[in-house]
Amino acid sequence: MTLTTLVSGGSANSREAAIHVAIEQDLARNGRHMSTALILEGLSDGKLATVPHELDIKRIAPGCFCCIGNLTLRVTLNRLLRKPPARLYISIADSTHLVQLRDFLSGAPYDAFLEMTPDLAA
């Protein structure tokens, strides 16, 4: 099971900074880096370049994942889960439909692959 955290709120900069802190906290707890993938909505701000291990970063054009039918998210997620990481962060710009997105990821078929963790607010 891939531990999955939804990250929302603030700017892209603040969401990526929150992910950076969470990755460093994982390192402190486990004594090693877990294989980690990120699905980030929007453009990079460069903050994650300072993380001292390799990340599998996927970027999705901005747009509400619920309102666009989740197609882009599903394709990206399905490809990523072919070699599932231990940890996955999904950063979304608009938290309006956070509950619906969590429900989508908690249902079939993703419930067999993803273990949802508490959301991270930036």
C-alpha atoms as a PDB file:
ATOM      1  CA  MET A   1       0.000   0.000   0.000  1.00  0.00           C
ATOM      2  CA  THR A   2       1.211   3.462  -0.906  1.00  0.00           C
ATOM      3  CA  LEU A   3       0.797   5.996   1.894  1.00  0.00           C
ATOM      4  CA  THR A   4      -1.032   8.887   0.215  1.00  0.00           C
ATOM      5  CA  THR A   5      -1.415  12.446   1.466  1.00  0.00           C
ATOM      6  CA  LEU A   6      -3.450  15.231  -0.110  1.00  0.00           C
ATOM      7  CA  VAL A   7      -1.750  18.621   0.197  1.00  0.00           C
ATOM      8  CA  SER A   8      -3.829  21.774  -0.216  1.00  0.00           C
ATOM      9  CA  GLY A   9      -4.036  25.438   0.655  1.00  0.00           C
ATOM     10  CA  GLY A  10      -1.787  28.385   0.107  1.00  0.00           C
ATOM     11  CA  SER A  11       0.353  28.917  -2.958  1.00  0.00           C
ATOM     12  CA  ALA A  12       2.296  26.338  -4.961  1.00  0.00           C
ATOM     13  CA  ASN A  13       5.373  27.524  -3.060  1.00  0.00           C
ATOM     14  CA  SER A  14       3.806  26.853   0.328  1.00  0.00           C
ATOM     15  CA  ARG A  15       2.426  23.437  -0.707  1.00  0.00           C
ATOM     16  CA  GLU A  16       5.831  22.336  -2.030  1.00  0.00           C
ATOM     17  CA  ALA A  17       7.535  23.646   1.117  1.00  0.00           C
ATOM     18  CA  ALA A  18       5.072  21.640   3.256  1.00  0.00           C
ATOM     19  CA  ILE A  19       5.858  18.516   1.230  1.00  0.00           C
ATOM     20  CA  HIS A  20       9.589  19.153   1.685  1.00  0.00           C
ATOM     21  CA  VAL A  21       9.117  19.339   5.466  1.00  0.00           C
ATOM     22  CA  ALA A  22       7.014  16.152   5.468  1.00  0.00           C
ATOM     23  CA  ILE A  23       9.685  14.266   3.501  1.00  0.00           C
ATOM     24  CA  GLU A  24      12.348  15.393   5.955  1.00  0.00           C
ATOM     25  CA  GLN A  25      10.134  14.290   8.874  1.00  0.00           C
ATOM     26  CA  ASP A  26       9.764  10.841   7.234  1.00  0.00           C
ATOM     27  CA  LEU A  27      13.571  10.677   7.054  1.00  0.00           C
ATOM     28  CA  ALA A  28      13.909  11.611  10.734  1.00  0.00           C
ATOM     29  CA  ARG A  29      11.339   8.968  11.773  1.00  0.00           C
ATOM     30  CA  ASN A  30      12.584   6.140   9.542  1.00  0.00           C
ATOM     31  CA  GLY A  31      16.299   6.903   9.344  1.00  0.00           C
ATOM     32  CA  ARG A  32      16.106   6.560   5.562  1.00  0.00           C
ATOM     33  CA  HIS A  33      14.242   8.052   2.635  1.00  0.00           C
ATOM     34  CA  MET A  34      11.157   6.210   1.453  1.00  0.00           C
ATOM     35  CA  SER A  35      10.550   5.939  -2.285  1.00  0.00           C
ATOM     36  CA  THR A  36       8.392   8.996  -2.865  1.00  0.00           C
ATOM     37  CA  ALA A  37       6.289  10.265  -5.743  1.00  0.00           C
ATOM     38  CA  LEU A  38       4.551  13.594  -6.132  1.00  0.00           C
ATOM     39  CA  ILE A  39       1.622  14.606  -8.273  1.00  0.00           C
ATOM     40  CA  LEU A  40       1.708  18.385  -8.381  1.00  0.00           C
ATOM     41  CA  GLU A  41      -0.910  20.625  -9.920  1.00  0.00           C
ATOM     42  CA  GLY A  42       0.664  23.504 -11.812  1.00  0.00           C
ATOM     43  CA  LEU A  43       4.180  24.719 -12.462  1.00  0.00           C
ATOM     44  CA  SER A  44       7.293  24.168 -10.393  1.00  0.00           C
ATOM     45  CA  ASP A  45       8.732  26.780  -8.095  1.00  0.00           C
ATOM     46  CA  GLY A  46      12.002  24.896  -7.625  1.00  0.00           C
ATOM     47  CA  LYS A  47      11.671  24.281  -3.865  1.00  0.00           C
ATOM     48  CA  LEU A  48      11.776  20.497  -4.157  1.00  0.00           C
ATOM     49  CA  ALA A  49      15.138  20.586  -5.939  1.00  0.00           C
ATOM     50  CA  THR A  50      16.797  20.765  -2.507  1.00  0.00           C
ATOM     51  CA  VAL A  51      15.415  17.409  -1.313  1.00  0.00           C
ATOM     52  CA  PRO A  52      18.472  15.121  -1.006  1.00  0.00           C
ATOM     53  CA  HIS A  53      17.027  12.087  -2.788  1.00  0.00           C
ATOM     54  CA  GLU A  54      15.327  11.296  -6.017  1.00  0.00           C
ATOM     55  CA  LEU A  55      11.623  12.001  -6.304  1.00  0.00           C
ATOM     56  CA  ASP A  56       9.261  10.812  -9.010  1.00  0.00           C
ATOM     57  CA  ILE A  57       7.528  14.103  -9.832  1.00  0.00           C
ATOM     58  CA  LYS A  58       4.499  14.263 -12.121  1.00  0.00           C
ATOM     59  CA  ARG A  59       2.949  17.606 -13.023  1.00  0.00           C
ATOM     60  CA  ILE A  60      -0.654  18.142 -14.054  1.00  0.00           C
ATOM     61  CA  ALA A  61      -1.960  21.338 -15.632  1.00  0.00           C
ATOM     62  CA  PRO A  62      -4.029  23.458 -13.230  1.00  0.00           C
ATOM     63  CA  GLY A  63      -7.733  22.660 -13.049  1.00  0.00           C
ATOM     64  CA  CYS A  64     -10.093  21.113 -10.527  1.00  0.00           C
ATOM     65  CA  PHE A  65      -9.568  17.340 -10.529  1.00  0.00           C
ATOM     66  CA  CYS A  66     -13.235  16.731  -9.713  1.00  0.00           C
ATOM     67  CA  CYS A  67     -14.668  19.117 -12.288  1.00  0.00           C
ATOM     68  CA  ILE A  68     -12.545  17.805 -15.155  1.00  0.00           C
ATOM     69  CA  GLY A  69     -13.646  14.243 -14.467  1.00  0.00           C
ATOM     70  CA  ASN A  70     -10.370  13.085 -12.944  1.00  0.00           C
ATOM     71  CA  LEU A  71      -9.164  11.803 -16.348  1.00  0.00           C
ATOM     72  CA  THR A  72      -5.716  13.404 -16.190  1.00  0.00           C
ATOM     73  CA  LEU A  73      -5.308  12.399 -12.551  1.00  0.00           C
ATOM     74  CA  ARG A  74      -6.418   8.807 -13.266  1.00  0.00           C
ATOM     75  CA  VAL A  75      -3.987   8.387 -16.173  1.00  0.00           C
ATOM     76  CA  THR A  76      -1.108   9.868 -14.165  1.00  0.00           C
ATOM     77  CA  LEU A  77      -1.924   7.821 -11.069  1.00  0.00           C
ATOM     78  CA  ASN A  78      -2.367   4.571 -13.010  1.00  0.00           C
ATOM     79  CA  ARG A  79       1.028   5.004 -14.659  1.00  0.00           C
ATOM     80  CA  LEU A  80       2.674   5.839 -11.353  1.00  0.00           C
ATOM     81  CA  LEU A  81       1.165   2.782  -9.634  1.00  0.00           C
ATOM     82  CA  ARG A  82       2.780   0.394 -12.131  1.00  0.00           C
ATOM     83  CA  LYS A  83       5.837   0.662  -9.850  1.00  0.00           C
ATOM     84  CA  PRO A  84       4.184   1.922  -6.676  1.00  0.00           C
ATOM     85  CA  PRO A  85       6.175   4.205  -4.396  1.00  0.00           C
ATOM     86  CA  ALA A  86       6.056   3.811  -0.622  1.00  0.00           C
ATOM     87  CA  ARG A  87       4.839   7.416  -0.298  1.00  0.00           C
ATOM     88  CA  LEU A  88       2.714   9.672  -2.509  1.00  0.00           C
ATOM     89  CA  TYR A  89       1.845  13.334  -2.091  1.00  0.00           C
ATOM     90  CA  ILE A  90      -0.874  14.883  -4.265  1.00  0.00           C
ATOM     91  CA  SER A  91      -0.751  18.680  -4.242  1.00  0.00           C
ATOM     92  CA  ILE A  92      -3.899  20.482  -5.340  1.00  0.00           C
ATOM     93  CA  ALA A  93      -4.400  24.202  -5.815  1.00  0.00           C
ATOM     94  CA  ASP A  94      -8.080  24.404  -4.888  1.00  0.00           C
ATOM     95  CA  SER A  95      -9.292  22.585  -1.791  1.00  0.00           C
ATOM     96  CA  THR A  96     -12.979  23.160  -2.618  1.00  0.00           C
ATOM     97  CA  HIS A  97     -13.477  19.524  -3.615  1.00  0.00           C
ATOM     98  CA  LEU A  98     -10.953  17.944  -1.251  1.00  0.00           C
ATOM     99  CA  VAL A  99     -13.569  15.609   0.259  1.00  0.00           C
ATOM    100  CA  GLN A 100     -14.688  14.399  -3.181  1.00  0.00           C
ATOM    101  CA  LEU A 101     -11.085  13.786  -4.231  1.00  0.00           C
ATOM    102  CA  ARG A 102     -10.401  11.832  -1.039  1.00  0.00           C
ATOM    103  CA  ASP A 103     -13.551   9.760  -1.641  1.00  0.00           C
ATOM    104  CA  PHE A 104     -12.459   9.078  -5.238  1.00  0.00           C
ATOM    105  CA  LEU A 105      -9.015   7.902  -4.109  1.00  0.00           C
ATOM    106  CA  SER A 106     -10.494   5.834  -1.252  1.00  0.00           C
ATOM    107  CA  GLY A 107     -12.851   3.923  -3.556  1.00  0.00           C
ATOM    108  CA  ALA A 108     -12.294   1.120  -6.045  1.00  0.00           C
ATOM    109  CA  PRO A 109      -9.902   0.475  -7.673  1.00  0.00           C
ATOM    110  CA  TYR A 110      -7.541   2.768  -5.738  1.00  0.00           C
ATOM    111  CA  ASP A 111      -8.512   1.439  -2.315  1.00  0.00           C
ATOM    112  CA  ALA A 112      -6.435  -1.663  -3.143  1.00  0.00           C
ATOM    113  CA  PHE A 113      -3.314   0.449  -3.774  1.00  0.00           C
ATOM    114  CA  LEU A 114      -3.538   3.613  -1.671  1.00  0.00           C
ATOM    115  CA  GLU A 115      -3.669   4.068   2.088  1.00  0.00           C
ATOM    116  CA  MET A 116      -4.964   7.584   2.668  1.00  0.00           C
ATOM    117  CA  THR A 117      -3.280   9.538   5.459  1.00  0.00           C
ATOM    118  CA  PRO A 118      -4.439  12.796   7.054  1.00  0.00           C
ATOM    119  CA  ASP A 119      -4.439  15.787   4.723  1.00  0.00           C
ATOM    120  CA  LEU A 120      -1.608  18.294   4.876  1.00  0.00           C
ATOM    121  CA  ALA A 121      -2.558  21.974   4.839  1.00  0.00           C
ATOM    122  CA  ALA A 122       0.017  24.441   3.599  1.00  0.00           C
END
